[in-house]
């Protein structure tokens, strides 16, 4: 395994982590919106 492969793996992990963070934030926003909409 070369350094290039290690860099690609690290980059992929960062992208995956960012993707999950964005997905979680988006889901939380929708849940909050539906909760507020239901209260009103």
PDB file of N, CA and C in Angstrom:
ATOM      1  N   UNK A   1       0.852  -1.206   0.000  1.00  0.00           N
ATOM      2  CA  UNK A   1       0.000   0.000   0.000  1.00  0.00           C
ATOM      3  C   UNK A   1       0.882   1.248   0.000  1.00  0.00           C
ATOM      4  N   UNK A   2       0.572   2.170  -0.878  1.00  0.00           N
ATOM      5  CA  UNK A   2       1.388   3.378  -0.984  1.00  0.00           C
ATOM      6  C   UNK A   2       0.729   4.530  -0.253  1.00  0.00           C
ATOM      7  N   UNK A   3       1.435   5.643  -0.138  1.00  0.00           N
ATOM      8  CA  UNK A   3       0.883   6.814   0.540  1.00  0.00           C
ATOM      9  C   UNK A   3      -0.326   7.348  -0.223  1.00  0.00           C
ATOM     10  N   UNK A   4      -0.296   7.185  -1.546  1.00  0.00           N
ATOM     11  CA  UNK A   4      -1.413   7.677  -2.358  1.00  0.00           C
ATOM     12  C   UNK A   4      -2.708   6.974  -1.942  1.00  0.00           C
ATOM     13  N   UNK A   5      -2.628   5.652  -1.743  1.00  0.00           N
ATOM     14  CA  UNK A   5      -3.817   4.903  -1.333  1.00  0.00           C
ATOM     15  C   UNK A   5      -4.292   5.357   0.037  1.00  0.00           C
ATOM     16  N   UNK A   6      -3.350   5.584   0.948  1.00  0.00           N
ATOM     17  CA  UNK A   6      -3.727   6.040   2.291  1.00  0.00           C
ATOM     18  C   UNK A   6      -4.433   7.378   2.205  1.00  0.00           C
ATOM     19  N   UNK A   7      -3.934   8.276   1.373  1.00  0.00           N
ATOM     20  CA  UNK A   7      -4.549   9.601   1.230  1.00  0.00           C
ATOM     21  C   UNK A   7      -5.963   9.464   0.675  1.00  0.00           C
ATOM     22  N   UNK A   8      -6.151   8.553  -0.265  1.00  0.00           N
ATOM     23  CA  UNK A   8      -7.478   8.372  -0.855  1.00  0.00           C
ATOM     24  C   UNK A   8      -8.455   7.827   0.181  1.00  0.00           C
ATOM     25  N   UNK A   9      -7.973   6.898   1.016  1.00  0.00           N
ATOM     26  CA  UNK A   9      -8.831   6.322   2.056  1.00  0.00           C
ATOM     27  C   UNK A   9      -9.230   7.397   3.053  1.00  0.00           C
ATOM     28  N   UNK A  10      -8.280   8.219   3.471  1.00  0.00           N
ATOM     29  CA  UNK A  10      -8.569   9.290   4.423  1.00  0.00           C
ATOM     30  C   UNK A  10      -9.572  10.261   3.815  1.00  0.00           C
ATOM     31  N   UNK A  11      -9.371  10.588   2.539  1.00  0.00           N
ATOM     32  CA  UNK A  11     -10.288  11.515   1.868  1.00  0.00           C
ATOM     33  C   UNK A  11     -11.690  10.906   1.789  1.00  0.00           C
ATOM     34  N   UNK A  12     -11.774   9.623   1.469  1.00  0.00           N
ATOM     35  CA  UNK A  12     -13.074   8.954   1.379  1.00  0.00           C
ATOM     36  C   UNK A  12     -13.769   8.968   2.732  1.00  0.00           C
ATOM     37  N   UNK A  13     -12.995   8.755   3.818  1.00  0.00           N
ATOM     38  CA  UNK A  13     -13.577   8.770   5.163  1.00  0.00           C
ATOM     39  C   UNK A  13     -14.126  10.147   5.478  1.00  0.00           C
ATOM     40  N   UNK A  14     -13.405  11.189   5.080  1.00  0.00           N
ATOM     41  CA  UNK A  14     -13.873  12.553   5.335  1.00  0.00           C
ATOM     42  C   UNK A  14     -15.157  12.821   4.569  1.00  0.00           C
ATOM     43  N   UNK A  15     -15.205  12.375   3.320  1.00  0.00           N
ATOM     44  CA  UNK A  15     -16.400  12.582   2.491  1.00  0.00           C
ATOM     45  C   UNK A  15     -17.586  11.834   3.090  1.00  0.00           C
ATOM     46  N   UNK A  16     -17.352  10.593   3.521  1.00  0.00           N
ATOM     47  CA  UNK A  16     -18.429   9.792   4.109  1.00  0.00           C
ATOM     48  C   UNK A  16     -18.925  10.437   5.390  1.00  0.00           C
ATOM     49  N   UNK A  17     -17.974  10.925   6.213  1.00  0.00           N
ATOM     50  CA  UNK A  17     -18.349  11.564   7.477  1.00  0.00           C
ATOM     51  C   UNK A  17     -19.159  12.828   7.210  1.00  0.00           C
ATOM     52  N   UNK A  18     -18.735  13.609   6.216  1.00  0.00           N
ATOM     53  CA  UNK A  18     -19.447  14.845   5.869  1.00  0.00           C
ATOM     54  C   UNK A  18     -20.840  14.509   5.342  1.00  0.00           C
ATOM     55  N   UNK A  19     -20.923  13.419   4.557  1.00  0.00           N
ATOM     56  CA  UNK A  19     -22.205  13.012   3.990  1.00  0.00           C
ATOM     57  C   UNK A  19     -23.179  12.624   5.099  1.00  0.00           C
ATOM     58  N   UNK A  20     -22.700  11.822   6.073  1.00  0.00           N
ATOM     59  CA  UNK A  20     -23.556  11.400   7.180  1.00  0.00           C
ATOM     60  C   UNK A  20     -23.962  12.588   8.027  1.00  0.00           C
ATOM     61  N   UNK A  21     -23.026  13.542   8.247  1.00  0.00           N
ATOM     62  CA  UNK A  21     -23.333  14.731   9.048  1.00  0.00           C
ATOM     63  C   UNK A  21     -24.418  15.551   8.364  1.00  0.00           C
ATOM     64  N   UNK A  22     -24.281  15.717   7.039  1.00  0.00           N
ATOM     65  CA  UNK A  22     -25.270  16.485   6.281  1.00  0.00           C
ATOM     66  C   UNK A  22     -26.627  15.786   6.313  1.00  0.00           C
ATOM     67  N   UNK A  23     -26.606  14.462   6.166  1.00  0.00           N
ATOM     68  CA  UNK A  23     -27.853  13.700   6.165  1.00  0.00           C
ATOM     69  C   UNK A  23     -28.546  13.812   7.522  1.00  0.00           C
ATOM     70  N   UNK A  24     -27.768  13.714   8.602  1.00  0.00           N
ATOM     71  CA  UNK A  24     -28.326  13.814   9.952  1.00  0.00           C
ATOM     72  C   UNK A  24     -28.892  15.199  10.211  1.00  0.00           C
ATOM     73  N   UNK A  25     -28.156  16.225   9.785  1.00  0.00           N
ATOM     74  CA  UNK A  25     -28.606  17.607   9.983  1.00  0.00           C
ATOM     75  C   UNK A  25     -29.893  17.859   9.196  1.00  0.00           C
ATOM     76  N   UNK A  26     -29.948  17.342   7.973  1.00  0.00           N
ATOM     77  CA  UNK A  26     -31.121  17.520   7.124  1.00  0.00           C
ATOM     78  C   UNK A  26     -32.338  16.840   7.746  1.00  0.00           C
ATOM     79  N   UNK A  27     -32.124  15.627   8.274  1.00  0.00           N
ATOM     80  CA  UNK A  27     -33.218  14.890   8.908  1.00  0.00           C
ATOM     81  C   UNK A  27     -33.711  15.627  10.145  1.00  0.00           C
ATOM     82  N   UNK A  28     -32.778  16.141  10.952  1.00  0.00           N
ATOM     83  CA  UNK A  28     -33.143  16.871  12.172  1.00  0.00           C
ATOM     84  C   UNK A  28     -33.953  18.113  11.817  1.00  0.00           C
ATOM     85  N   UNK A  29     -33.566  18.778  10.732  1.00  0.00           N
ATOM     86  CA  UNK A  29     -34.276  19.989  10.312  1.00  0.00           C
ATOM     87  C   UNK A  29     -35.710  19.657   9.905  1.00  0.00           C
ATOM     88  N   UNK A  30     -35.882  18.564   9.175  1.00  0.00           N
ATOM     89  CA  UNK A  30     -37.222  18.162   8.739  1.00  0.00           C
ATOM     90  C   UNK A  30     -38.084  17.802   9.943  1.00  0.00           C
ATOM     91  N   UNK A  31     -37.506  17.040  10.895  1.00  0.00           N
ATOM     92  CA  UNK A  31     -38.254  16.632  12.090  1.00  0.00           C
ATOM     93  C   UNK A  31     -38.685  17.862  12.881  1.00  0.00           C
ATOM     94  N   UNK A  32     -37.768  18.820  13.030  1.00  0.00           N
ATOM     95  CA  UNK A  32     -38.084  20.046  13.777  1.00  0.00           C
ATOM     96  C   UNK A  32     -39.183  20.823  13.062  1.00  0.00           C
ATOM     97  N   UNK A  33     -39.094  20.897  11.738  1.00  0.00           N
ATOM     98  CA  UNK A  33     -40.098  21.622  10.953  1.00  0.00           C
ATOM     99  C   UNK A  33     -41.478  20.974  11.106  1.00  0.00           C
ATOM    100  N   UNK A  34     -41.519  19.649  11.021  1.00  0.00           N
ATOM    101  CA  UNK A  34     -42.795  18.944  11.153  1.00  0.00           C
ATOM    102  C   UNK A  34     -43.349  19.111  12.561  1.00  0.00           C
ATOM    103  N   UNK A  35     -42.488  19.093  13.571  1.00  0.00           N
ATOM    104  CA  UNK A  35     -42.926  19.250  14.965  1.00  0.00           C
ATOM    105  C   UNK A  35     -43.526  20.635  15.168  1.00  0.00           C
ATOM    106  N   UNK A  36     -42.855  21.662  14.671  1.00  0.00           N
ATOM    107  CA  UNK A  36     -43.355  23.030  14.820  1.00  0.00           C
ATOM    108  C   UNK A  36     -44.649  23.208  14.030  1.00  0.00           C
ATOM    109  N   UNK A  37     -44.704  22.617  12.842  1.00  0.00           N
ATOM    110  CA  UNK A  37     -45.896  22.726  12.010  1.00  0.00           C
ATOM    111  C   UNK A  37     -47.075  22.034  12.696  1.00  0.00           C
ATOM    112  N   UNK A  38     -46.810  20.915  13.377  1.00  0.00           N
ATOM    113  CA  UNK A  38     -47.860  20.180  14.075  1.00  0.00           C
ATOM    114  C   UNK A  38     -48.371  20.957  15.278  1.00  0.00           C
ATOM    115  N   UNK A  39     -47.477  21.663  15.980  1.00  0.00           N
ATOM    116  CA  UNK A  39     -47.884  22.444  17.153  1.00  0.00           C
ATOM    117  C   UNK A  39     -48.790  23.593  16.748  1.00  0.00           C
ATOM    118  N   UNK A  40     -48.502  24.208  15.621  1.00  0.00           N
ATOM    119  CA  UNK A  40     -49.321  25.324  15.156  1.00  0.00           C
ATOM    120  C   UNK A  40     -50.523  24.776  14.377  1.00  0.00           C
TER     121      UNK A  40
END
